[in-house]
Amino acid sequence: MSQSRLPLWQRLLITVLVMLAASYIAGLIWNAVFGFALPPYVAGVIGGLSAIPVWDLLQRIRPNG
């Protein structure tokens, strides 16, 4: 059986890292613009929405070799 996609654990790890990075960057931008912390539920929505295209992209990537 040949691997045609990245293993599940790699896709999950990359997706979680992108979610955390998107939430963090959104929080920094929000704080710079509005001067107070981003509400946690908004950060969660931003992170969750960023995960959708990343997960789809990672399912299409084929490893080298």
PDB file of N, CA and C in Angstrom:
ATOM      1  N   MET A   1       0.839  -1.174   0.000  1.00  0.00           N
ATOM      2  CA  MET A   1       0.000   0.000   0.000  1.00  0.00           C
ATOM      3  C   MET A   1       0.887   1.240   0.000  1.00  0.00           C
ATOM      4  N   SER A   2       0.733   2.096  -0.982  1.00  0.00           N
ATOM      5  CA  SER A   2       1.592   3.265  -1.061  1.00  0.00           C
ATOM      6  C   SER A   2       0.915   4.460  -0.407  1.00  0.00           C
ATOM      7  N   GLN A   3       1.721   5.288   0.235  1.00  0.00           N
ATOM      8  CA  GLN A   3       1.225   6.507   0.845  1.00  0.00           C
ATOM      9  C   GLN A   3       1.042   7.557  -0.237  1.00  0.00           C
ATOM     10  N   SER A   4      -0.176   8.005  -0.458  1.00  0.00           N
ATOM     11  CA  SER A   4      -0.415   9.027  -1.464  1.00  0.00           C
ATOM     12  C   SER A   4      -0.578  10.405  -0.827  1.00  0.00           C
ATOM     13  N   ARG A   5      -0.677  10.442   0.485  1.00  0.00           N
ATOM     14  CA  ARG A   5      -0.852  11.697   1.192  1.00  0.00           C
ATOM     15  C   ARG A   5       0.054  11.744   2.404  1.00  0.00           C
ATOM     16  N   LEU A   6       0.127  12.928   3.016  1.00  0.00           N
ATOM     17  CA  LEU A   6       0.844  13.046   4.277  1.00  0.00           C
ATOM     18  C   LEU A   6       0.131  12.210   5.330  1.00  0.00           C
ATOM     19  N   PRO A   7       0.878  11.628   6.266  1.00  0.00           N
ATOM     20  CA  PRO A   7       0.226  10.881   7.346  1.00  0.00           C
ATOM     21  C   PRO A   7      -0.691  11.793   8.168  1.00  0.00           C
ATOM     22  N   LEU A   8      -1.684  11.194   8.776  1.00  0.00           N
ATOM     23  CA  LEU A   8      -2.676  11.940   9.544  1.00  0.00           C
ATOM     24  C   LEU A   8      -2.032  12.788  10.632  1.00  0.00           C
ATOM     25  N   TRP A   9      -1.067  12.245  11.354  1.00  0.00           N
ATOM     26  CA  TRP A   9      -0.467  12.993  12.462  1.00  0.00           C
ATOM     27  C   TRP A   9       0.256  14.237  11.966  1.00  0.00           C
ATOM     28  N   GLN A  10       0.855  14.177  10.775  1.00  0.00           N
ATOM     29  CA  GLN A  10       1.538  15.353  10.232  1.00  0.00           C
ATOM     30  C   GLN A  10       0.532  16.416   9.807  1.00  0.00           C
ATOM     31  N   ARG A  11      -0.554  15.990   9.201  1.00  0.00           N
ATOM     32  CA  ARG A  11      -1.600  16.949   8.817  1.00  0.00           C
ATOM     33  C   ARG A  11      -2.201  17.618  10.045  1.00  0.00           C
ATOM     34  N   LEU A  12      -2.457  16.830  11.100  1.00  0.00           N
ATOM     35  CA  LEU A  12      -3.015  17.395  12.329  1.00  0.00           C
ATOM     36  C   LEU A  12      -2.053  18.387  12.973  1.00  0.00           C
ATOM     37  N   LEU A  13      -0.789  18.031  13.040  1.00  0.00           N
ATOM     38  CA  LEU A  13       0.212  18.907  13.653  1.00  0.00           C
ATOM     39  C   LEU A  13       0.327  20.231  12.902  1.00  0.00           C
ATOM     40  N   ILE A  14       0.427  20.167  11.591  1.00  0.00           N
ATOM     41  CA  ILE A  14       0.539  21.385  10.787  1.00  0.00           C
ATOM     42  C   ILE A  14      -0.722  22.228  10.920  1.00  0.00           C
ATOM     43  N   THR A  15      -1.890  21.596  10.902  1.00  0.00           N
ATOM     44  CA  THR A  15      -3.146  22.328  11.013  1.00  0.00           C
ATOM     45  C   THR A  15      -3.268  23.026  12.362  1.00  0.00           C
ATOM     46  N   VAL A  16      -2.901  22.348  13.436  1.00  0.00           N
ATOM     47  CA  VAL A  16      -2.966  22.960  14.767  1.00  0.00           C
ATOM     48  C   VAL A  16      -1.987  24.128  14.867  1.00  0.00           C
ATOM     49  N   LEU A  17      -0.797  23.970  14.309  1.00  0.00           N
ATOM     50  CA  LEU A  17       0.177  25.058  14.337  1.00  0.00           C
ATOM     51  C   LEU A  17      -0.319  26.275  13.560  1.00  0.00           C
ATOM     52  N   VAL A  18      -0.951  26.043  12.416  1.00  0.00           N
ATOM     53  CA  VAL A  18      -1.511  27.151  11.634  1.00  0.00           C
ATOM     54  C   VAL A  18      -2.645  27.817  12.405  1.00  0.00           C
ATOM     55  N   MET A  19      -3.484  27.033  13.064  1.00  0.00           N
ATOM     56  CA  MET A  19      -4.579  27.600  13.853  1.00  0.00           C
ATOM     57  C   MET A  19      -4.042  28.502  14.960  1.00  0.00           C
ATOM     58  N   LEU A  20      -3.027  28.019  15.671  1.00  0.00           N
ATOM     59  CA  LEU A  20      -2.452  28.807  16.764  1.00  0.00           C
ATOM     60  C   LEU A  20      -1.791  30.075  16.235  1.00  0.00           C
ATOM     61  N   ALA A  21      -1.055  29.951  15.136  1.00  0.00           N
ATOM     62  CA  ALA A  21      -0.384  31.114  14.562  1.00  0.00           C
ATOM     63  C   ALA A  21      -1.399  32.146  14.071  1.00  0.00           C
ATOM     64  N   ALA A  22      -2.458  31.696  13.416  1.00  0.00           N
ATOM     65  CA  ALA A  22      -3.483  32.622  12.922  1.00  0.00           C
ATOM     66  C   ALA A  22      -4.163  33.347  14.078  1.00  0.00           C
ATOM     67  N   SER A  23      -4.481  32.637  15.143  1.00  0.00           N
ATOM     68  CA  SER A  23      -5.108  33.260  16.304  1.00  0.00           C
ATOM     69  C   SER A  23      -4.174  34.274  16.959  1.00  0.00           C
ATOM     70  N   TYR A  24      -2.906  33.921  17.077  1.00  0.00           N
ATOM     71  CA  TYR A  24      -1.917  34.804  17.696  1.00  0.00           C
ATOM     72  C   TYR A  24      -1.720  36.071  16.873  1.00  0.00           C
ATOM     73  N   ILE A  25      -1.553  35.917  15.569  1.00  0.00           N
ATOM     74  CA  ILE A  25      -1.355  37.074  14.690  1.00  0.00           C
ATOM     75  C   ILE A  25      -2.598  37.960  14.679  1.00  0.00           C
ATOM     76  N   ALA A  26      -3.773  37.352  14.645  1.00  0.00           N
ATOM     77  CA  ALA A  26      -5.012  38.137  14.698  1.00  0.00           C
ATOM     78  C   ALA A  26      -5.096  38.910  16.010  1.00  0.00           C
ATOM     79  N   GLY A  27      -4.672  38.284  17.091  1.00  0.00           N
ATOM     80  CA  GLY A  27      -4.666  38.965  18.388  1.00  0.00           C
ATOM     81  C   GLY A  27      -3.719  40.150  18.412  1.00  0.00           C
ATOM     82  N   LEU A  28      -2.548  39.990  17.816  1.00  0.00           N
ATOM     83  CA  LEU A  28      -1.595  41.097  17.743  1.00  0.00           C
ATOM     84  C   LEU A  28      -2.146  42.260  16.923  1.00  0.00           C
ATOM     85  N   ILE A  29      -2.731  41.936  15.776  1.00  0.00           N
ATOM     86  CA  ILE A  29      -3.299  42.983  14.919  1.00  0.00           C
ATOM     87  C   ILE A  29      -4.462  43.675  15.630  1.00  0.00           C
ATOM     88  N   TRP A  30      -5.337  42.892  16.249  1.00  0.00           N
ATOM     89  CA  TRP A  30      -6.485  43.447  16.963  1.00  0.00           C
ATOM     90  C   TRP A  30      -6.019  44.404  18.064  1.00  0.00           C
ATOM     91  N   ASN A  31      -5.004  43.974  18.834  1.00  0.00           N
ATOM     92  CA  ASN A  31      -4.497  44.797  19.924  1.00  0.00           C
ATOM     93  C   ASN A  31      -3.872  46.084  19.390  1.00  0.00           C
ATOM     94  N   ALA A  32      -3.180  46.017  18.269  1.00  0.00           N
ATOM     95  CA  ALA A  32      -2.569  47.208  17.688  1.00  0.00           C
ATOM     96  C   ALA A  32      -3.632  48.179  17.171  1.00  0.00           C
ATOM     97  N   VAL A  33      -4.710  47.658  16.629  1.00  0.00           N
ATOM     98  CA  VAL A  33      -5.745  48.517  16.051  1.00  0.00           C
ATOM     99  C   VAL A  33      -6.686  49.072  17.131  1.00  0.00           C
ATOM    100  N   PHE A  34      -7.149  48.201  18.024  1.00  0.00           N
ATOM    101  CA  PHE A  34      -8.178  48.603  18.978  1.00  0.00           C
ATOM    102  C   PHE A  34      -7.656  48.885  20.381  1.00  0.00           C
ATOM    103  N   GLY A  35      -6.457  48.423  20.712  1.00  0.00           N
ATOM    104  CA  GLY A  35      -5.871  48.730  22.003  1.00  0.00           C
ATOM    105  C   GLY A  35      -6.307  47.853  23.159  1.00  0.00           C
ATOM    106  N   PHE A  36      -7.034  46.772  22.880  1.00  0.00           N
ATOM    107  CA  PHE A  36      -7.388  45.817  23.930  1.00  0.00           C
ATOM    108  C   PHE A  36      -7.364  44.411  23.347  1.00  0.00           C
ATOM    109  N   ALA A  37      -7.391  43.427  24.233  1.00  0.00           N
ATOM    110  CA  ALA A  37      -7.216  42.027  23.827  1.00  0.00           C
ATOM    111  C   ALA A  37      -8.376  41.530  22.973  1.00  0.00           C
ATOM    112  N   LEU A  38      -8.043  40.661  22.050  1.00  0.00           N
ATOM    113  CA  LEU A  38      -9.035  40.007  21.203  1.00  0.00           C
ATOM    114  C   LEU A  38      -9.858  39.032  22.050  1.00  0.00           C
ATOM    115  N   PRO A  39     -11.179  39.085  21.970  1.00  0.00           N
ATOM    116  CA  PRO A  39     -11.989  38.121  22.723  1.00  0.00           C
ATOM    117  C   PRO A  39     -11.642  36.677  22.312  1.00  0.00           C
ATOM    118  N   PRO A  40     -11.562  35.789  23.282  1.00  0.00           N
ATOM    119  CA  PRO A  40     -11.143  34.410  22.982  1.00  0.00           C
ATOM    120  C   PRO A  40     -12.013  33.699  21.943  1.00  0.00           C
ATOM    121  N   TYR A  41     -13.315  33.937  21.962  1.00  0.00           N
ATOM    122  CA  TYR A  41     -14.171  33.247  20.992  1.00  0.00           C
ATOM    123  C   TYR A  41     -13.888  33.735  19.571  1.00  0.00           C
ATOM    124  N   VAL A  42     -13.518  34.998  19.410  1.00  0.00           N
ATOM    125  CA  VAL A  42     -13.169  35.508  18.081  1.00  0.00           C
ATOM    126  C   VAL A  42     -11.863  34.876  17.608  1.00  0.00           C
ATOM    127  N   ALA A  43     -10.906  34.759  18.511  1.00  0.00           N
ATOM    128  CA  ALA A  43      -9.639  34.105  18.165  1.00  0.00           C
ATOM    129  C   ALA A  43      -9.884  32.650  17.763  1.00  0.00           C
ATOM    130  N   GLY A  44     -10.798  31.985  18.449  1.00  0.00           N
ATOM    131  CA  GLY A  44     -11.131  30.603  18.105  1.00  0.00           C
ATOM    132  C   GLY A  44     -11.775  30.483  16.740  1.00  0.00           C
ATOM    133  N   VAL A  45     -12.648  31.427  16.419  1.00  0.00           N
ATOM    134  CA  VAL A  45     -13.292  31.415  15.099  1.00  0.00           C
ATOM    135  C   VAL A  45     -12.249  31.636  14.005  1.00  0.00           C
ATOM    136  N   ILE A  46     -11.357  32.593  14.217  1.00  0.00           N
ATOM    137  CA  ILE A  46     -10.308  32.867  13.232  1.00  0.00           C
ATOM    138  C   ILE A  46      -9.414  31.645  13.051  1.00  0.00           C
ATOM    139  N   GLY A  47      -9.006  31.026  14.153  1.00  0.00           N
ATOM    140  CA  GLY A  47      -8.176  29.826  14.065  1.00  0.00           C
ATOM    141  C   GLY A  47      -8.897  28.687  13.368  1.00  0.00           C
ATOM    142  N   GLY A  48     -10.159  28.501  13.701  1.00  0.00           N
ATOM    143  CA  GLY A  48     -10.937  27.426  13.079  1.00  0.00           C
ATOM    144  C   GLY A  48     -11.141  27.642  11.591  1.00  0.00           C
ATOM    145  N   LEU A  49     -11.417  28.880  11.205  1.00  0.00           N
ATOM    146  CA  LEU A  49     -11.598  29.165   9.779  1.00  0.00           C
ATOM    147  C   LEU A  49     -10.292  29.041   9.002  1.00  0.00           C
ATOM    148  N   SER A  50      -9.179  29.316   9.651  1.00  0.00           N
ATOM    149  CA  SER A  50      -7.899  29.157   8.965  1.00  0.00           C
ATOM    150  C   SER A  50      -7.548  27.681   8.768  1.00  0.00           C
ATOM    151  N   ALA A  51      -8.104  26.814   9.601  1.00  0.00           N
ATOM    152  CA  ALA A  51      -7.800  25.390   9.508  1.00  0.00           C
ATOM    153  C   ALA A  51      -8.438  24.728   8.293  1.00  0.00           C
ATOM    154  N   ILE A  52      -9.571  25.238   7.853  1.00  0.00           N
ATOM    155  CA  ILE A  52     -10.306  24.586   6.763  1.00  0.00           C
ATOM    156  C   ILE A  52      -9.488  24.535   5.468  1.00  0.00           C
ATOM    157  N   PRO A  53      -8.988  25.674   4.957  1.00  0.00           N
ATOM    158  CA  PRO A  53      -8.209  25.588   3.712  1.00  0.00           C
ATOM    159  C   PRO A  53      -6.871  24.879   3.888  1.00  0.00           C
ATOM    160  N   VAL A  54      -6.281  24.997   5.088  1.00  0.00           N
ATOM    161  CA  VAL A  54      -4.997  24.317   5.327  1.00  0.00           C
ATOM    162  C   VAL A  54      -5.194  22.809   5.291  1.00  0.00           C
ATOM    163  N   TRP A  55      -6.216  22.308   5.946  1.00  0.00           N
ATOM    164  CA  TRP A  55      -6.486  20.867   5.956  1.00  0.00           C
ATOM    165  C   TRP A  55      -6.738  20.356   4.537  1.00  0.00           C
ATOM    166  N   ASP A  56      -7.519  21.107   3.764  1.00  0.00           N
ATOM    167  CA  ASP A  56      -7.798  20.716   2.383  1.00  0.00           C
ATOM    168  C   ASP A  56      -6.514  20.692   1.560  1.00  0.00           C
ATOM    169  N   LEU A  57      -5.676  21.711   1.721  1.00  0.00           N
ATOM    170  CA  LEU A  57      -4.406  21.754   0.998  1.00  0.00           C
ATOM    171  C   LEU A  57      -3.506  20.586   1.386  1.00  0.00           C
ATOM    172  N   LEU A  58      -3.426  20.279   2.669  1.00  0.00           N
ATOM    173  CA  LEU A  58      -2.553  19.199   3.127  1.00  0.00           C
ATOM    174  C   LEU A  58      -3.026  17.826   2.658  1.00  0.00           C
ATOM    175  N   GLN A  59      -4.309  17.670   2.438  1.00  0.00           N
ATOM    176  CA  GLN A  59      -4.800  16.387   1.931  1.00  0.00           C
ATOM    177  C   GLN A  59      -4.389  16.171   0.478  1.00  0.00           C
ATOM    178  N   ARG A  60      -4.112  17.244  -0.238  1.00  0.00           N
ATOM    179  CA  ARG A  60      -3.739  17.140  -1.653  1.00  0.00           C
ATOM    180  C   ARG A  60      -2.239  16.994  -1.863  1.00  0.00           C
ATOM    181  N   ILE A  61      -1.432  17.344  -0.849  1.00  0.00           N
ATOM    182  CA  ILE A  61       0.016  17.288  -0.995  1.00  0.00           C
ATOM    183  C   ILE A  61       0.476  15.845  -0.980  1.00  0.00           C
ATOM    184  N   ARG A  62       1.314  15.525  -1.937  1.00  0.00           N
ATOM    185  CA  ARG A  62       1.899  14.187  -1.991  1.00  0.00           C
ATOM    186  C   ARG A  62       3.355  14.272  -1.539  1.00  0.00           C
ATOM    187  N   PRO A  63       3.783  13.379  -0.652  1.00  0.00           N
ATOM    188  CA  PRO A  63       5.175  13.439  -0.195  1.00  0.00           C
ATOM    189  C   PRO A  63       6.145  13.069  -1.309  1.00  0.00           C
ATOM    190  N   ASN A  64       7.366  13.590  -1.224  1.00  0.00           N
ATOM    191  CA  ASN A  64       8.400  13.228  -2.196  1.00  0.00           C
ATOM    192  C   ASN A  64       8.857  11.791  -1.973  1.00  0.00           C
ATOM    193  N   GLY A  65       9.155  11.131  -3.049  1.00  0.00           N
ATOM    194  CA  GLY A  65       9.668   9.768  -2.929  1.00  0.00           C
ATOM    195  C   GLY A  65       8.649   8.823  -3.288  1.00  0.00           C
TER     196      GLY A  65
END
